[in-house]
Amino acid sequence: MPDKLNALLERLKAHQRTLILAMAEYDGLPAGSALRQVAELENVIAAVEAVAAEEAERARSAPASAPRRIGG
């Protein structure tokens, strides 16, 4: 899962960067819709980073080779 989360994070950051660089090409303020899209991406990026951190913590705290219980 960490690889998939990292791949998603990189795609989101790349898309956000593309939008920002496109906005920088024009004089004046960017359209509100473009600003909202960048802001929404920032929120999603933060959420993915939080989930990735939680998953990493879960992997660190889980016993490496815990025996599996069979039966009761």
PDB file of N, CA and C in Angstrom:
ATOM      1  N   MET A   1       0.807  -1.207   0.000  1.00  0.00           N
ATOM      2  CA  MET A   1       0.000   0.000   0.000  1.00  0.00           C
ATOM      3  C   MET A   1       0.846   1.265   0.000  1.00  0.00           C
ATOM      4  N   PRO A   2       1.967   1.285   0.707  1.00  0.00           N
ATOM      5  CA  PRO A   2       2.763   2.528   0.695  1.00  0.00           C
ATOM      6  C   PRO A   2       3.160   2.954  -0.715  1.00  0.00           C
ATOM      7  N   ASP A   3       3.462   1.988  -1.570  1.00  0.00           N
ATOM      8  CA  ASP A   3       3.849   2.341  -2.940  1.00  0.00           C
ATOM      9  C   ASP A   3       2.697   2.994  -3.686  1.00  0.00           C
ATOM     10  N   LYS A   4       1.499   2.474  -3.488  1.00  0.00           N
ATOM     11  CA  LYS A   4       0.331   3.053  -4.170  1.00  0.00           C
ATOM     12  C   LYS A   4       0.023   4.444  -3.631  1.00  0.00           C
ATOM     13  N   LEU A   5       0.145   4.622  -2.319  1.00  0.00           N
ATOM     14  CA  LEU A   5      -0.085   5.944  -1.738  1.00  0.00           C
ATOM     15  C   LEU A   5       0.963   6.940  -2.223  1.00  0.00           C
ATOM     16  N   ASN A   6       2.208   6.517  -2.281  1.00  0.00           N
ATOM     17  CA  ASN A   6       3.269   7.405  -2.771  1.00  0.00           C
ATOM     18  C   ASN A   6       3.069   7.754  -4.234  1.00  0.00           C
ATOM     19  N   ALA A   7       2.635   6.792  -5.024  1.00  0.00           N
ATOM     20  CA  ALA A   7       2.381   7.059  -6.441  1.00  0.00           C
ATOM     21  C   ALA A   7       1.233   8.059  -6.598  1.00  0.00           C
ATOM     22  N   LEU A   8       0.171   7.876  -5.804  1.00  0.00           N
ATOM     23  CA  LEU A   8      -0.950   8.818  -5.838  1.00  0.00           C
ATOM     24  C   LEU A   8      -0.486  10.206  -5.423  1.00  0.00           C
ATOM     25  N   LEU A   9       0.309  10.270  -4.378  1.00  0.00           N
ATOM     26  CA  LEU A   9       0.817  11.545  -3.886  1.00  0.00           C
ATOM     27  C   LEU A   9       1.631  12.254  -4.966  1.00  0.00           C
ATOM     28  N   GLU A  10       2.476  11.535  -5.648  1.00  0.00           N
ATOM     29  CA  GLU A  10       3.286  12.137  -6.710  1.00  0.00           C
ATOM     30  C   GLU A  10       2.423  12.634  -7.863  1.00  0.00           C
ATOM     31  N   ARG A  11       1.375  11.880  -8.220  1.00  0.00           N
ATOM     32  CA  ARG A  11       0.477  12.329  -9.297  1.00  0.00           C
ATOM     33  C   ARG A  11      -0.256  13.606  -8.897  1.00  0.00           C
ATOM     34  N   LEU A  12      -0.734  13.647  -7.661  1.00  0.00           N
ATOM     35  CA  LEU A  12      -1.447  14.834  -7.194  1.00  0.00           C
ATOM     36  C   LEU A  12      -0.541  16.057  -7.170  1.00  0.00           C
ATOM     37  N   LYS A  13       0.668  15.889  -6.663  1.00  0.00           N
ATOM     38  CA  LYS A  13       1.620  17.002  -6.606  1.00  0.00           C
ATOM     39  C   LYS A  13       2.001  17.473  -8.005  1.00  0.00           C
ATOM     40  N   ALA A  14       2.177  16.548  -8.913  1.00  0.00           N
ATOM     41  CA  ALA A  14       2.537  16.911 -10.289  1.00  0.00           C
ATOM     42  C   ALA A  14       1.401  17.697 -10.944  1.00  0.00           C
ATOM     43  N   HIS A  15       0.177  17.265 -10.716  1.00  0.00           N
ATOM     44  CA  HIS A  15      -0.970  17.967 -11.297  1.00  0.00           C
ATOM     45  C   HIS A  15      -1.102  19.368 -10.704  1.00  0.00           C
ATOM     46  N   GLN A  16      -0.919  19.473  -9.393  1.00  0.00           N
ATOM     47  CA  GLN A  16      -0.983  20.773  -8.737  1.00  0.00           C
ATOM     48  C   GLN A  16       0.106  21.695  -9.280  1.00  0.00           C
ATOM     49  N   ARG A  17       1.294  21.169  -9.435  1.00  0.00           N
ATOM     50  CA  ARG A  17       2.407  21.964  -9.967  1.00  0.00           C
ATOM     51  C   ARG A  17       2.114  22.450 -11.385  1.00  0.00           C
ATOM     52  N   THR A  18       1.551  21.569 -12.196  1.00  0.00           N
ATOM     53  CA  THR A  18       1.199  21.938 -13.572  1.00  0.00           C
ATOM     54  C   THR A  18       0.201  23.092 -13.583  1.00  0.00           C
ATOM     55  N   LEU A  19      -0.797  23.007 -12.709  1.00  0.00           N
ATOM     56  CA  LEU A  19      -1.788  24.091 -12.631  1.00  0.00           C
ATOM     57  C   LEU A  19      -1.151  25.403 -12.203  1.00  0.00           C
ATOM     58  N   ILE A  20      -0.291  25.343 -11.200  1.00  0.00           N
ATOM     59  CA  ILE A  20       0.359  26.565 -10.701  1.00  0.00           C
ATOM     60  C   ILE A  20       1.245  27.182 -11.769  1.00  0.00           C
ATOM     61  N   LEU A  21       2.002  26.354 -12.456  1.00  0.00           N
ATOM     62  CA  LEU A  21       2.879  26.871 -13.512  1.00  0.00           C
ATOM     63  C   LEU A  21       2.064  27.464 -14.661  1.00  0.00           C
ATOM     64  N   ALA A  22       0.933  26.868 -14.973  1.00  0.00           N
ATOM     65  CA  ALA A  22       0.065  27.407 -16.019  1.00  0.00           C
ATOM     66  C   ALA A  22      -0.508  28.761 -15.599  1.00  0.00           C
ATOM     67  N   MET A  23      -0.887  28.883 -14.322  1.00  0.00           N
ATOM     68  CA  MET A  23      -1.407  30.163 -13.837  1.00  0.00           C
ATOM     69  C   MET A  23      -0.335  31.243 -13.865  1.00  0.00           C
ATOM     70  N   ALA A  24       0.907  30.859 -13.650  1.00  0.00           N
ATOM     71  CA  ALA A  24       2.005  31.832 -13.608  1.00  0.00           C
ATOM     72  C   ALA A  24       2.296  32.423 -14.991  1.00  0.00           C
ATOM     73  N   GLU A  25       1.830  31.792 -16.029  1.00  0.00           N
ATOM     74  CA  GLU A  25       2.084  32.262 -17.390  1.00  0.00           C
ATOM     75  C   GLU A  25       1.322  33.544 -17.720  1.00  0.00           C
ATOM     76  N   TYR A  26       0.289  33.847 -16.983  1.00  0.00           N
ATOM     77  CA  TYR A  26      -0.570  34.987 -17.303  1.00  0.00           C
ATOM     78  C   TYR A  26      -0.426  36.087 -16.257  1.00  0.00           C
ATOM     79  N   ASP A  27      -0.539  37.323 -16.720  1.00  0.00           N
ATOM     80  CA  ASP A  27      -0.542  38.466 -15.806  1.00  0.00           C
ATOM     81  C   ASP A  27      -1.891  38.517 -15.090  1.00  0.00           C
ATOM     82  N   GLY A  28      -1.894  39.094 -13.944  1.00  0.00           N
ATOM     83  CA  GLY A  28      -3.144  39.235 -13.202  1.00  0.00           C
ATOM     84  C   GLY A  28      -3.420  38.017 -12.345  1.00  0.00           C
ATOM     85  N   LEU A  29      -4.553  38.081 -11.680  1.00  0.00           N
ATOM     86  CA  LEU A  29      -4.941  36.991 -10.800  1.00  0.00           C
ATOM     87  C   LEU A  29      -5.518  35.832 -11.601  1.00  0.00           C
ATOM     88  N   PRO A  30      -5.225  34.621 -11.178  1.00  0.00           N
ATOM     89  CA  PRO A  30      -5.829  33.458 -11.836  1.00  0.00           C
ATOM     90  C   PRO A  30      -7.326  33.400 -11.561  1.00  0.00           C
ATOM     91  N   ALA A  31      -8.017  32.674 -12.367  1.00  0.00           N
ATOM     92  CA  ALA A  31      -9.457  32.491 -12.181  1.00  0.00           C
ATOM     93  C   ALA A  31      -9.718  31.809 -10.841  1.00  0.00           C
ATOM     94  N   GLY A  32     -10.840  32.154 -10.251  1.00  0.00           N
ATOM     95  CA  GLY A  32     -11.207  31.556  -8.970  1.00  0.00           C
ATOM     96  C   GLY A  32     -11.299  30.042  -9.041  1.00  0.00           C
ATOM     97  N   SER A  33     -11.779  29.530 -10.164  1.00  0.00           N
ATOM     98  CA  SER A  33     -11.908  28.078 -10.305  1.00  0.00           C
ATOM     99  C   SER A  33     -10.531  27.405 -10.281  1.00  0.00           C
ATOM    100  N   ALA A  34      -9.539  28.049 -10.886  1.00  0.00           N
ATOM    101  CA  ALA A  34      -8.183  27.492 -10.873  1.00  0.00           C
ATOM    102  C   ALA A  34      -7.603  27.537  -9.465  1.00  0.00           C
ATOM    103  N   LEU A  35      -7.860  28.631  -8.752  1.00  0.00           N
ATOM    104  CA  LEU A  35      -7.385  28.738  -7.372  1.00  0.00           C
ATOM    105  C   LEU A  35      -8.039  27.680  -6.488  1.00  0.00           C
ATOM    106  N   ARG A  36      -9.340  27.461  -6.687  1.00  0.00           N
ATOM    107  CA  ARG A  36     -10.043  26.443  -5.895  1.00  0.00           C
ATOM    108  C   ARG A  36      -9.500  25.053  -6.185  1.00  0.00           C
ATOM    109  N   GLN A  37      -9.183  24.799  -7.449  1.00  0.00           N
ATOM    110  CA  GLN A  37      -8.647  23.485  -7.816  1.00  0.00           C
ATOM    111  C   GLN A  37      -7.299  23.237  -7.135  1.00  0.00           C
ATOM    112  N   VAL A  38      -6.449  24.255  -7.101  1.00  0.00           N
ATOM    113  CA  VAL A  38      -5.153  24.130  -6.431  1.00  0.00           C
ATOM    114  C   VAL A  38      -5.361  23.914  -4.935  1.00  0.00           C
ATOM    115  N   ALA A  39      -6.299  24.663  -4.348  1.00  0.00           N
ATOM    116  CA  ALA A  39      -6.573  24.523  -2.916  1.00  0.00           C
ATOM    117  C   ALA A  39      -7.139  23.140  -2.594  1.00  0.00           C
ATOM    118  N   GLU A  40      -8.033  22.648  -3.434  1.00  0.00           N
ATOM    119  CA  GLU A  40      -8.595  21.311  -3.224  1.00  0.00           C
ATOM    120  C   GLU A  40      -7.513  20.253  -3.330  1.00  0.00           C
ATOM    121  N   LEU A  41      -6.622  20.414  -4.300  1.00  0.00           N
ATOM    122  CA  LEU A  41      -5.515  19.464  -4.420  1.00  0.00           C
ATOM    123  C   LEU A  41      -4.636  19.498  -3.174  1.00  0.00           C
ATOM    124  N   GLU A  42      -4.422  20.685  -2.622  1.00  0.00           N
ATOM    125  CA  GLU A  42      -3.614  20.804  -1.400  1.00  0.00           C
ATOM    126  C   GLU A  42      -4.253  20.033  -0.253  1.00  0.00           C
ATOM    127  N   ASN A  43      -5.572  20.120  -0.142  1.00  0.00           N
ATOM    128  CA  ASN A  43      -6.277  19.371   0.894  1.00  0.00           C
ATOM    129  C   ASN A  43      -6.166  17.864   0.680  1.00  0.00           C
ATOM    130  N   VAL A  44      -6.298  17.430  -0.550  1.00  0.00           N
ATOM    131  CA  VAL A  44      -6.196  15.998  -0.845  1.00  0.00           C
ATOM    132  C   VAL A  44      -4.769  15.513  -0.593  1.00  0.00           C
ATOM    133  N   ILE A  45      -3.783  16.311  -0.974  1.00  0.00           N
ATOM    134  CA  ILE A  45      -2.383  15.954  -0.735  1.00  0.00           C
ATOM    135  C   ILE A  45      -2.145  15.778   0.764  1.00  0.00           C
ATOM    136  N   ALA A  46      -2.656  16.703   1.564  1.00  0.00           N
ATOM    137  CA  ALA A  46      -2.501  16.597   3.023  1.00  0.00           C
ATOM    138  C   ALA A  46      -3.177  15.344   3.556  1.00  0.00           C
ATOM    139  N   ALA A  47      -4.342  15.017   3.026  1.00  0.00           N
ATOM    140  CA  ALA A  47      -5.056  13.822   3.473  1.00  0.00           C
ATOM    141  C   ALA A  47      -4.289  12.553   3.110  1.00  0.00           C
ATOM    142  N   VAL A  48      -3.760  12.496   1.907  1.00  0.00           N
ATOM    143  CA  VAL A  48      -2.983  11.316   1.488  1.00  0.00           C
ATOM    144  C   VAL A  48      -1.722  11.192   2.334  1.00  0.00           C
ATOM    145  N   GLU A  49      -1.070  12.303   2.613  1.00  0.00           N
ATOM    146  CA  GLU A  49       0.119  12.264   3.475  1.00  0.00           C
ATOM    147  C   GLU A  49      -0.233  11.754   4.866  1.00  0.00           C
ATOM    148  N   ALA A  50      -1.386  12.160   5.389  1.00  0.00           N
ATOM    149  CA  ALA A  50      -1.816  11.701   6.713  1.00  0.00           C
ATOM    150  C   ALA A  50      -2.083  10.205   6.708  1.00  0.00           C
ATOM    151  N   VAL A  51      -2.754   9.723   5.679  1.00  0.00           N
ATOM    152  CA  VAL A  51      -3.027   8.284   5.580  1.00  0.00           C
ATOM    153  C   VAL A  51      -1.722   7.509   5.430  1.00  0.00           C
ATOM    154  N   ALA A  52      -0.808   8.015   4.636  1.00  0.00           N
ATOM    155  CA  ALA A  52       0.493   7.351   4.460  1.00  0.00           C
ATOM    156  C   ALA A  52       1.245   7.284   5.785  1.00  0.00           C
ATOM    157  N   ALA A  53       1.189   8.367   6.559  1.00  0.00           N
ATOM    158  CA  ALA A  53       1.853   8.371   7.866  1.00  0.00           C
ATOM    159  C   ALA A  53       1.199   7.368   8.808  1.00  0.00           C
ATOM    160  N   GLU A  54      -0.125   7.296   8.791  1.00  0.00           N
ATOM    161  CA  GLU A  54      -0.840   6.324   9.621  1.00  0.00           C
ATOM    162  C   GLU A  54      -0.474   4.899   9.237  1.00  0.00           C
ATOM    163  N   GLU A  55      -0.418   4.645   7.949  1.00  0.00           N
ATOM    164  CA  GLU A  55      -0.061   3.304   7.476  1.00  0.00           C
ATOM    165  C   GLU A  55       1.371   2.943   7.867  1.00  0.00           C
ATOM    166  N   ALA A  56       2.266   3.901   7.769  1.00  0.00           N
ATOM    167  CA  ALA A  56       3.659   3.654   8.146  1.00  0.00           C
ATOM    168  C   ALA A  56       3.760   3.363   9.638  1.00  0.00           C
ATOM    169  N   GLU A  57       3.013   4.120  10.448  1.00  0.00           N
ATOM    170  CA  GLU A  57       3.011   3.886  11.895  1.00  0.00           C
ATOM    171  C   GLU A  57       2.419   2.518  12.217  1.00  0.00           C
ATOM    172  N   ARG A  58       1.357   2.161  11.539  1.00  0.00           N
ATOM    173  CA  ARG A  58       0.735   0.854  11.743  1.00  0.00           C
ATOM    174  C   ARG A  58       1.707  -0.267  11.396  1.00  0.00           C
ATOM    175  N   ALA A  59       2.442  -0.095  10.309  1.00  0.00           N
ATOM    176  CA  ALA A  59       3.413  -1.120   9.902  1.00  0.00           C
ATOM    177  C   ALA A  59       4.545  -1.226  10.925  1.00  0.00           C
ATOM    178  N   ARG A  60       4.971  -0.087  11.493  1.00  0.00           N
ATOM    179  CA  ARG A  60       6.048  -0.109  12.496  1.00  0.00           C
ATOM    180  C   ARG A  60       5.598  -0.745  13.798  1.00  0.00           C
ATOM    181  N   SER A  61       4.345  -0.525  14.170  1.00  0.00           N
ATOM    182  CA  SER A  61       3.884  -1.013  15.467  1.00  0.00           C
ATOM    183  C   SER A  61       3.367  -2.447  15.422  1.00  0.00           C
ATOM    184  N   ALA A  62       3.107  -2.962  14.236  1.00  0.00           N
ATOM    185  CA  ALA A  62       2.631  -4.340  14.119  1.00  0.00           C
ATOM    186  C   ALA A  62       3.791  -5.295  14.367  1.00  0.00           C
ATOM    187  N   PRO A  63       3.536  -6.373  15.088  1.00  0.00           N
ATOM    188  CA  PRO A  63       4.602  -7.362  15.290  1.00  0.00           C
ATOM    189  C   PRO A  63       5.071  -7.910  13.949  1.00  0.00           C
ATOM    190  N   ALA A  64       6.369  -8.049  13.816  1.00  0.00           N
ATOM    191  CA  ALA A  64       6.949  -8.482  12.543  1.00  0.00           C
ATOM    192  C   ALA A  64       6.471  -9.870  12.143  1.00  0.00           C
ATOM    193  N   SER A  65       6.448 -10.766  13.081  1.00  0.00           N
ATOM    194  CA  SER A  65       6.046 -12.132  12.735  1.00  0.00           C
ATOM    195  C   SER A  65       5.145 -12.691  13.832  1.00  0.00           C
ATOM    196  N   ALA A  66       4.021 -12.049  14.013  1.00  0.00           N
ATOM    197  CA  ALA A  66       3.096 -12.500  15.035  1.00  0.00           C
ATOM    198  C   ALA A  66       2.493 -13.836  14.634  1.00  0.00           C
ATOM    199  N   PRO A  67       2.440 -14.763  15.558  1.00  0.00           N
ATOM    200  CA  PRO A  67       1.834 -16.065  15.221  1.00  0.00           C
ATOM    201  C   PRO A  67       0.335 -15.898  14.982  1.00  0.00           C
ATOM    202  N   ARG A  68      -0.177 -16.640  14.042  1.00  0.00           N
ATOM    203  CA  ARG A  68      -1.590 -16.584  13.737  1.00  0.00           C
ATOM    204  C   ARG A  68      -2.302 -17.602  14.596  1.00  0.00           C
ATOM    205  N   ARG A  69      -3.408 -17.182  15.184  1.00  0.00           N
ATOM    206  CA  ARG A  69      -4.195 -18.087  16.009  1.00  0.00           C
ATOM    207  C   ARG A  69      -5.144 -18.859  15.115  1.00  0.00           C
ATOM    208  N   ILE A  70      -5.161 -20.140  15.327  1.00  0.00           N
ATOM    209  CA  ILE A  70      -6.079 -21.003  14.568  1.00  0.00           C
ATOM    210  C   ILE A  70      -7.007 -21.649  15.586  1.00  0.00           C
ATOM    211  N   GLY A  71      -8.273 -21.547  15.320  1.00  0.00           N
ATOM    212  CA  GLY A  71      -9.221 -22.149  16.262  1.00  0.00           C
ATOM    213  C   GLY A  71      -9.515 -21.218  17.408  1.00  0.00           C
ATOM    214  N   GLY A  72      -9.871 -21.746  18.546  1.00  0.00           N
ATOM    215  CA  GLY A  72     -10.249 -20.876  19.639  1.00  0.00           C
ATOM    216  C   GLY A  72      -9.633 -21.311  20.864  1.00  0.00           C
TER     217      GLY A  72
END
